[in-house]
């Protein structure tokens, strides 16, 4: 009897379940026809966070296949863009040859080798009328004083400390310059940019031309920046234009005792057993702008740089690009300070405003570099140390304040108009 009652009850349960399902469907239909319920449900769905990738995962296989085809097209676009930038580099090389005669004349005026004519010296300022009136009044008052000064002191040759003043005006550069670098930079006569020859890998060279001085025998110091303008095979969609990938410096032939990139210290060591004390001397790196010519090498062969090294290298790349794009082409405006104000409306890495993102600042390759010097010496050597001036032993000891280093600061975000 128990078995019969169990089997007889099964159809009854199925019937009840069917009735419940039918009732639920009717209720659902009624609810979904209520505008207020639909609005509340839509609001709830909109509030749920979602990502593009999660949306892509929900698409049908056929749609995903078409998206993959679009990515193939995008890779081809990246390679065409790379060719575009190669031709831009060719144009830069062509126009650099047209600029160079003007830059050569600039050097002649700066060094005093050539005196500009009256026509070449004529310049109309924005406040020309006010300047003229003020100048006329002032000239009547001080004309006698000027004549006396001219008789007593010879007129300076060229434009004194032209490039050194630019270094001092530009924060990105002044952060690198130490007090003992300043007398050396006052001998800097010109900075040139040389582009790679046609058919050669993309690169550019910065040439720093110095007059004869008491610090090194080189007349020209060079820094070569190697560039890449092709999509990365592993990540082709990251391509945004040419990027600096490595750089090479040069050997500075310092005169005896004049190498400012190192300092000699005396260190006292006490023997643990005998208790005797001895004094040893050693050379350690010293903060200096001229470390710019001894750069870190970009990692290769699968090796990776530590975070500090990556920051130093990225800062170096940025400074090189800033010299090329801003300092050298517009030197007089950085000397007068006018370009400093203009840079508020231009990407500080040197790129002009344009419709797409700044390729030079992407991927950690740029930013407004409040840059620290390369080769900073970490303190904390055991024992007492005495710092010596220059790179030779036995010279006069520096004052304690002379060894103080400038506080490094982090690069700010790249500004764009």
Protein backbone atom coordinates (compact mmCIF):
# COMPACT_ATOMS: atom_id res chain seq x y z
CA UNK A 1 0.00 0.00 0.00
CA UNK A 2 2.81 2.36 0.80
CA UNK A 3 4.36 1.84 -2.62
CA UNK A 4 1.02 2.47 -4.38
CA UNK A 5 0.40 5.70 -2.46
CA UNK A 6 3.93 6.95 -3.31
CA UNK A 7 3.57 6.26 -7.02
CA UNK A 8 0.10 7.77 -7.13
CA UNK A 9 1.39 11.01 -5.55
CA UNK A 10 4.13 11.71 -8.16
CA UNK A 11 1.83 13.03 -10.90
CA UNK A 12 0.17 15.23 -8.31
CA UNK A 13 3.53 16.82 -7.41
CA UNK A 14 4.38 17.42 -11.05
CA UNK A 15 1.03 19.07 -11.62
CA UNK A 16 1.55 21.39 -8.65
CA UNK A 17 5.02 22.34 -9.92
CA UNK A 18 3.64 23.14 -13.34
CA UNK A 19 0.93 25.33 -11.80
CA UNK A 20 3.55 27.19 -9.73
CA UNK A 21 5.75 27.81 -12.78
CA UNK A 22 2.80 29.10 -14.77
CA UNK A 23 1.85 31.44 -11.95
CA UNK A 24 5.42 32.71 -11.69
CA UNK A 25 5.55 33.46 -15.40
CA UNK A 26 2.30 35.40 -15.22
CA UNK A 27 3.59 37.37 -12.24
CA UNK A 28 6.84 38.11 -14.05
CA UNK A 29 4.93 39.34 -17.11
CA UNK A 30 2.82 41.61 -14.94
CA UNK A 31 5.87 43.01 -13.14
CA UNK A 32 7.80 43.62 -16.38
CA UNK A 33 4.86 45.59 -17.73
CA UNK A 34 5.06 48.01 -14.82
CA UNK A 35 7.11 51.09 -15.93
CA UNK A 36 8.22 51.89 -12.40
CA UNK A 37 9.60 48.39 -11.89
CA UNK A 38 11.42 48.50 -15.21
CA UNK A 39 12.99 51.88 -14.37
CA UNK A 40 14.15 50.61 -10.99
CA UNK A 41 15.61 47.49 -12.58
CA UNK A 42 17.47 49.52 -15.23
CA UNK A 43 18.91 51.81 -12.57
CA UNK A 44 20.13 48.79 -10.66
CA UNK A 45 21.80 47.36 -13.74
CA UNK A 46 23.46 50.70 -14.58
CA UNK A 47 24.90 50.90 -11.08
CA UNK A 48 26.69 47.58 -11.46
CA UNK A 49 30.36 48.22 -12.27
CA UNK A 50 31.67 46.67 -15.45
CA UNK A 51 34.86 46.89 -17.55
CA UNK A 52 35.35 46.84 -21.31
CA UNK A 53 37.07 43.47 -21.04
CA UNK A 54 34.16 41.97 -19.16
CA UNK A 55 31.83 43.23 -21.88
CA UNK A 56 34.00 41.72 -24.62
CA UNK A 57 33.86 38.37 -22.87
CA UNK A 58 30.08 38.34 -23.18
CA UNK A 59 30.09 38.84 -26.95
CA UNK A 60 29.35 35.95 -29.33
CA UNK A 61 32.27 34.09 -30.85
CA UNK A 62 31.54 35.50 -34.32
CA UNK A 63 31.79 39.08 -33.00
CA UNK A 64 35.08 38.32 -31.19
CA UNK A 65 36.45 36.98 -34.47
CA UNK A 66 35.67 40.30 -36.19
CA UNK A 67 37.30 42.23 -33.33
CA UNK A 68 40.48 40.21 -33.87
CA UNK A 69 40.38 41.26 -37.51
CA UNK A 70 40.19 44.91 -36.41
CA UNK A 71 43.27 44.40 -34.24
CA UNK A 72 45.14 43.07 -37.26
CA UNK A 73 44.26 46.30 -39.08
CA UNK A 74 45.42 48.34 -36.08
CA UNK A 75 48.85 46.68 -36.15
CA UNK A 76 49.18 47.59 -39.83
CA UNK A 77 48.24 51.18 -38.95
CA UNK A 78 51.01 51.25 -36.33
CA UNK A 79 53.59 50.18 -38.91
CA UNK A 80 52.40 52.89 -41.31
CA UNK A 81 52.67 55.43 -38.47
CA UNK A 82 56.25 54.27 -37.88
CA UNK A 83 57.06 54.98 -41.53
CA UNK A 84 55.50 58.41 -41.12
CA UNK A 85 57.85 59.24 -38.25
CA UNK A 86 60.84 58.00 -40.24
CA UNK A 87 59.97 60.50 -42.95
CA UNK A 88 59.52 63.20 -40.30
CA UNK A 89 63.06 62.44 -39.15
CA UNK A 90 64.26 62.87 -42.75
CA UNK A 91 62.52 66.26 -42.85
CA UNK A 92 64.17 67.25 -39.57
CA UNK A 93 67.54 66.40 -41.07
CA UNK A 94 66.76 68.44 -44.19
CA UNK A 95 65.65 71.53 -42.29
CA UNK A 96 68.48 71.23 -39.76
CA UNK A 97 70.81 72.01 -42.66
CA UNK A 98 68.77 75.16 -43.37
CA UNK A 99 68.83 76.26 -39.72
CA UNK A 100 72.56 75.68 -39.26
CA UNK A 101 73.84 78.85 -41.02
CA UNK A 102 71.63 80.90 -38.68
CA UNK A 103 72.90 78.99 -35.65
CA UNK A 104 76.49 79.52 -36.83
CA UNK A 105 75.87 83.26 -37.01
CA UNK A 106 74.31 83.09 -33.54
CA UNK A 107 77.54 81.58 -32.24
CA UNK A 108 79.58 84.35 -33.87
CA UNK A 109 77.46 87.02 -32.18
CA UNK A 110 77.59 85.23 -28.81
CA UNK A 111 81.37 84.73 -28.85
CA UNK A 112 82.04 88.21 -30.24
CA UNK A 113 83.79 86.94 -33.35
CA UNK A 114 81.38 89.03 -35.42
CA UNK A 115 79.58 92.26 -34.48
CA UNK A 116 75.99 92.49 -35.79
CA UNK A 117 75.15 95.34 -38.15
CA UNK A 118 72.66 98.06 -37.23
CA UNK A 119 70.04 96.38 -39.40
CA UNK A 120 70.67 93.01 -37.72
CA UNK A 121 70.45 94.61 -34.27
CA UNK A 122 67.16 96.40 -34.86
CA UNK A 123 64.27 94.92 -32.86
CA UNK A 124 60.82 96.37 -32.16
CA UNK A 125 59.44 95.44 -28.77
CA UNK A 126 55.76 95.35 -27.83
CA UNK A 127 56.18 98.46 -25.65
CA UNK A 128 58.25 100.28 -28.26
CA UNK A 129 56.75 103.77 -27.76
CA UNK A 130 57.02 103.64 -23.97
CA UNK A 131 60.54 102.31 -24.21
CA UNK A 132 61.46 105.11 -26.63
CA UNK A 133 60.15 107.87 -24.38
CA UNK A 134 61.79 106.38 -21.32
CA UNK A 135 64.99 105.85 -23.24
CA UNK A 136 65.09 109.46 -24.47
CA UNK A 137 64.64 110.84 -20.95
CA UNK A 138 67.17 108.48 -19.48
CA UNK A 139 69.72 109.16 -22.18
CA UNK A 140 69.67 112.88 -21.45
CA UNK A 141 70.39 112.23 -17.79
CA UNK A 142 73.03 109.53 -17.99
CA UNK A 143 74.79 110.23 -21.27
CA UNK A 144 77.76 111.70 -19.46
CA UNK A 145 77.97 108.68 -17.15
CA UNK A 146 77.93 106.28 -20.11
CA UNK A 147 80.76 108.14 -21.79
CA UNK A 148 82.77 107.99 -18.58
CA UNK A 149 82.12 104.27 -18.18
CA UNK A 150 83.07 103.63 -21.79
CA UNK A 151 86.34 105.42 -21.22
CA UNK A 152 87.10 103.45 -18.06
CA UNK A 153 85.92 99.93 -18.95
CA UNK A 154 86.18 98.16 -22.30
CA UNK A 155 82.92 96.84 -23.76
CA UNK A 156 82.39 93.11 -23.10
CA UNK A 157 83.03 90.75 -25.96
CA UNK A 158 79.94 89.10 -27.46
CA UNK A 159 77.27 88.07 -24.95
CA UNK A 160 79.03 86.99 -21.75
CA UNK A 161 77.92 83.72 -20.12
CA UNK A 162 75.20 83.20 -22.72
CA UNK A 163 74.80 79.42 -22.38
CA UNK A 164 75.55 79.39 -18.66
CA UNK A 165 72.69 81.84 -18.13
CA UNK A 166 70.38 79.47 -20.02
CA UNK A 167 71.42 76.62 -17.70
CA UNK A 168 70.67 78.85 -14.73
CA UNK A 169 67.25 79.92 -16.10
CA UNK A 170 65.93 76.42 -16.89
CA UNK A 171 64.98 74.44 -13.78
CA UNK A 172 65.55 71.12 -15.50
CA UNK A 173 69.20 72.06 -16.05
CA UNK A 174 69.92 74.17 -12.98
CA UNK A 175 69.05 71.17 -10.78
CA UNK A 176 72.05 69.37 -12.28
CA UNK A 177 74.55 72.20 -11.98
CA UNK A 178 76.68 72.32 -8.85
CA UNK A 179 78.58 75.38 -7.68
CA UNK A 180 81.89 73.94 -8.89
CA UNK A 181 80.36 73.29 -12.35
CA UNK A 182 79.60 76.96 -12.90
CA UNK A 183 83.09 78.25 -13.80
CA UNK A 184 83.39 75.41 -16.34
CA UNK A 185 80.04 76.12 -17.98
CA UNK A 186 81.01 79.75 -18.41
CA UNK A 187 83.43 78.48 -21.09
CA UNK A 188 80.58 76.86 -23.09
CA UNK A 189 80.34 78.62 -26.46
CA UNK A 190 77.75 76.63 -28.38
CA UNK A 191 75.46 73.59 -28.38
CA UNK A 192 74.64 71.84 -31.65
CA UNK A 193 72.29 69.04 -32.68
CA UNK A 194 73.43 66.59 -35.37
CA UNK A 195 70.98 64.10 -36.88
CA UNK A 196 71.92 60.62 -38.10
CA UNK A 197 72.79 60.24 -41.78
CA UNK A 198 70.24 58.85 -44.27
CA UNK A 199 70.06 55.07 -44.12
CA UNK A 200 71.55 54.96 -40.62
CA UNK A 201 69.61 54.00 -37.47
CA UNK A 202 67.62 56.92 -36.12
CA UNK A 203 69.64 58.97 -33.61
CA UNK A 204 70.87 62.46 -32.81
CA UNK A 205 74.03 63.87 -31.23
CA UNK A 206 74.33 66.83 -28.88
CA UNK A 207 77.65 68.67 -29.26
CA UNK A 208 78.83 70.98 -26.46
CA UNK A 209 81.57 73.30 -27.77
CA UNK A 210 83.96 74.80 -25.21
CA UNK A 211 86.66 77.40 -25.51
CA UNK A 212 90.12 76.48 -24.12
CA UNK A 213 89.89 76.26 -20.35
CA UNK A 214 91.74 75.11 -17.23
CA UNK A 215 89.53 72.04 -16.63
CA UNK A 216 89.76 69.66 -19.61
CA UNK A 217 91.45 69.47 -22.98
CA UNK A 218 88.38 68.53 -25.04
CA UNK A 219 87.05 71.25 -27.32
CA UNK A 220 83.79 69.32 -27.88
CA UNK A 221 81.86 67.02 -25.55
CA UNK A 222 79.24 64.78 -27.17
CA UNK A 223 76.15 62.84 -26.13
CA UNK A 224 74.51 60.44 -28.61
CA UNK A 225 70.85 59.44 -28.24
CA UNK A 226 69.69 56.32 -30.06
CA UNK A 227 66.05 56.19 -31.12
CA UNK A 228 63.53 53.59 -32.16
CA UNK A 229 60.52 54.14 -34.39
CA UNK A 230 58.82 50.81 -34.82
CA UNK A 231 56.06 48.98 -32.97
CA UNK A 232 57.12 46.49 -30.32
CA UNK A 233 56.39 42.97 -31.50
CA UNK A 234 55.19 41.96 -28.05
CA UNK A 235 53.01 45.04 -27.58
CA UNK A 236 52.41 46.80 -30.93
CA UNK A 237 49.48 48.85 -29.63
CA UNK A 238 51.78 50.77 -27.25
CA UNK A 239 53.47 52.51 -30.19
CA UNK A 240 53.03 56.29 -30.04
CA UNK A 241 55.95 57.49 -32.11
CA UNK A 242 59.76 57.56 -31.86
CA UNK A 243 61.30 56.98 -28.46
CA UNK A 244 64.83 57.29 -27.12
CA UNK A 245 66.03 53.83 -26.17
CA UNK A 246 69.70 54.33 -25.25
CA UNK A 247 72.47 56.90 -25.09
CA UNK A 248 76.26 57.10 -25.16
CA UNK A 249 78.48 59.78 -23.64
CA UNK A 250 82.13 60.58 -24.19
CA UNK A 251 85.39 60.56 -22.27
CA UNK A 252 86.31 63.88 -20.70
CA UNK A 253 90.05 64.43 -20.61
CA UNK A 254 90.29 66.22 -17.28
CA UNK A 255 93.39 68.17 -16.39
CA UNK A 256 95.22 67.17 -13.22
CA UNK A 257 93.18 67.88 -10.11
CA UNK A 258 90.22 69.35 -12.05
CA UNK A 259 87.82 66.38 -12.32
CA UNK A 260 84.63 67.60 -10.63
CA UNK A 261 82.80 64.29 -11.13
CA UNK A 262 84.79 62.59 -8.37
CA UNK A 263 86.00 63.58 -4.94
CA UNK A 264 88.88 62.19 -2.90
CA UNK A 265 88.17 61.40 0.73
CA UNK A 266 90.41 60.43 3.62
CA UNK A 267 89.15 57.60 5.78
CA UNK A 268 90.57 56.59 9.15
CA UNK A 269 90.57 52.87 9.95
CA UNK A 270 91.30 51.36 13.34
CA UNK A 271 92.87 47.89 13.57
CA UNK A 272 90.71 45.67 15.79
CA UNK A 273 93.62 43.72 17.23
CA UNK A 274 96.48 46.19 17.61
CA UNK A 275 94.34 49.30 17.97
CA UNK A 276 96.49 51.22 15.50
CA UNK A 277 94.86 53.79 13.23
CA UNK A 278 95.71 54.29 9.59
CA UNK A 279 94.45 56.82 7.06
CA UNK A 280 93.53 55.75 3.55
CA UNK A 281 92.32 57.83 0.61
CA UNK A 282 89.84 56.84 -2.06
CA UNK A 283 87.83 58.41 -4.85
CA UNK A 284 84.03 58.37 -4.83
CA UNK A 285 81.48 59.77 -7.32
CA UNK A 286 80.58 63.42 -6.94
CA UNK A 287 77.42 65.23 -8.06
CA UNK A 288 78.09 67.24 -11.21
CA UNK A 289 76.44 68.25 -14.46
CA UNK A 290 79.34 66.59 -16.25
CA UNK A 291 78.08 63.18 -15.17
CA UNK A 292 75.68 63.85 -18.05
CA UNK A 293 78.45 62.57 -20.33
CA UNK A 294 78.75 59.25 -18.44
CA UNK A 295 75.18 57.94 -18.66
CA UNK A 296 73.75 54.67 -17.49
CA UNK A 297 73.26 52.08 -20.21
CA UNK A 298 69.77 50.85 -20.99
CA UNK A 299 69.18 47.27 -19.93
CA UNK A 300 69.77 44.57 -22.53
CA UNK A 301 69.88 40.81 -22.91
CA UNK A 302 66.81 40.42 -20.73
CA UNK A 303 68.36 42.26 -17.79
CA UNK A 304 66.26 44.79 -15.92
CA UNK A 305 67.27 48.01 -14.17
CA UNK A 306 66.24 48.86 -10.65
CA UNK A 307 63.71 51.62 -10.07
CA UNK A 308 66.29 54.33 -9.31
CA UNK A 309 68.28 53.49 -12.44
CA UNK A 310 65.16 53.54 -14.58
CA UNK A 311 64.27 56.96 -13.19
CA UNK A 312 67.77 58.30 -13.85
CA UNK A 313 67.77 56.94 -17.40
CA UNK A 314 64.30 58.33 -18.15
CA UNK A 315 65.39 61.73 -16.82
CA UNK A 316 68.48 61.60 -19.01
CA UNK A 317 66.37 60.85 -22.10
CA UNK A 318 64.06 63.72 -21.26
CA UNK A 319 66.91 66.22 -20.85
CA UNK A 320 68.45 65.16 -24.16
CA UNK A 321 65.16 65.62 -25.94
CA UNK A 322 64.62 69.01 -24.28
CA UNK A 323 68.02 70.21 -25.53
CA UNK A 324 67.13 69.08 -29.03
CA UNK A 325 63.56 70.38 -29.23
CA UNK A 326 63.67 73.54 -27.14
CA UNK A 327 67.04 74.77 -25.88
CA UNK A 328 69.07 74.68 -29.09
CA UNK A 329 66.39 76.02 -31.48
CA UNK A 330 65.24 78.82 -29.12
CA UNK A 331 68.38 79.61 -27.14
CA UNK A 332 67.98 83.40 -27.07
CA UNK A 333 64.45 83.09 -25.64
CA UNK A 334 65.71 80.93 -22.79
CA UNK A 335 68.51 83.43 -22.22
CA UNK A 336 66.01 86.30 -21.89
CA UNK A 337 63.49 84.13 -20.01
CA UNK A 338 60.69 84.60 -22.56
CA UNK A 339 60.61 80.90 -23.45
CA UNK A 340 60.20 79.98 -19.79
CA UNK A 341 56.75 81.59 -19.79
CA UNK A 342 55.84 80.03 -23.14
CA UNK A 343 56.65 76.57 -21.78
CA UNK A 344 53.59 76.79 -19.53
CA UNK A 345 51.50 76.19 -22.66
CA UNK A 346 53.72 73.56 -24.22
CA UNK A 347 54.50 70.02 -23.16
CA UNK A 348 57.55 70.49 -20.95
CA UNK A 349 59.35 67.60 -22.62
CA UNK A 350 59.67 69.87 -25.66
CA UNK A 351 56.90 68.61 -27.94
CA UNK A 352 54.59 71.19 -29.47
CA UNK A 353 50.85 70.87 -28.85
CA UNK A 354 49.24 68.43 -31.25
CA UNK A 355 46.11 66.42 -31.65
CA UNK A 356 47.43 63.14 -30.29
CA UNK A 357 49.21 62.42 -27.05
CA UNK A 358 52.80 63.37 -26.47
CA UNK A 359 54.76 60.36 -27.62
CA UNK A 360 57.88 61.56 -25.85
CA UNK A 361 56.24 61.60 -22.44
CA UNK A 362 54.44 58.29 -22.63
CA UNK A 363 55.73 55.16 -20.98
CA UNK A 364 57.89 57.02 -18.48
CA UNK A 365 59.97 58.65 -21.20
CA UNK A 366 59.25 62.21 -20.19
CA UNK A 367 57.69 64.64 -17.76
CA UNK A 368 58.80 67.92 -16.31
CA UNK A 369 62.10 66.75 -14.94
CA UNK A 370 63.14 68.20 -11.68
CA UNK A 371 66.10 65.94 -12.26
CA UNK A 372 68.77 64.84 -9.83
CA UNK A 373 72.40 64.39 -10.74
CA UNK A 374 73.70 61.04 -11.86
CA UNK A 375 76.07 59.15 -9.60
CA UNK A 376 74.96 60.48 -6.23
CA UNK A 377 77.24 59.36 -3.43
CA UNK A 378 75.55 57.63 -0.52
CA UNK A 379 76.96 58.69 2.80
CA UNK A 380 77.44 56.45 5.80
CA UNK A 381 80.99 55.15 5.28
CA UNK A 382 82.41 53.71 8.44
CA UNK A 383 85.07 55.68 10.24
CA UNK A 384 85.90 59.37 10.03
CA UNK A 385 86.17 60.87 6.56
CA UNK A 386 87.68 64.07 5.28
CA UNK A 387 86.72 65.29 1.82
CA UNK A 388 89.42 66.67 -0.45
CA UNK A 389 88.89 69.07 -3.31
CA UNK A 390 89.43 67.74 -6.83
CA UNK A 391 90.63 64.27 -7.74
CA UNK A 392 94.21 64.43 -6.45
CA UNK A 393 95.41 63.41 -3.01
CA UNK A 394 96.95 65.89 -0.64
CA UNK A 395 95.01 68.97 -1.78
CA UNK A 396 93.43 71.43 0.60
CA UNK A 397 90.35 70.11 2.40
CA UNK A 398 86.92 71.42 1.44
CA UNK A 399 84.63 73.18 3.85
CA UNK A 400 81.86 71.00 5.18
CA UNK A 401 79.25 73.07 3.38
CA UNK A 402 80.89 72.50 0.01
CA UNK A 403 79.96 68.84 0.10
CA UNK A 404 76.27 69.46 0.69
CA UNK A 405 74.15 68.11 -2.10
CA UNK A 406 71.05 69.60 -3.63
CA UNK A 407 67.82 67.94 -2.64
CA UNK A 408 66.56 65.71 -5.46
CA UNK A 409 62.97 66.16 -6.49
CA UNK A 410 60.57 63.96 -8.37
CA UNK A 411 59.39 64.73 -11.91
CA UNK A 412 55.99 66.31 -12.13
CA UNK A 413 53.36 65.25 -14.59
CA UNK A 414 53.73 66.17 -18.23
CA UNK A 415 51.69 69.23 -19.02
CA UNK A 416 49.89 69.66 -22.27
CA UNK A 417 47.86 72.51 -23.62
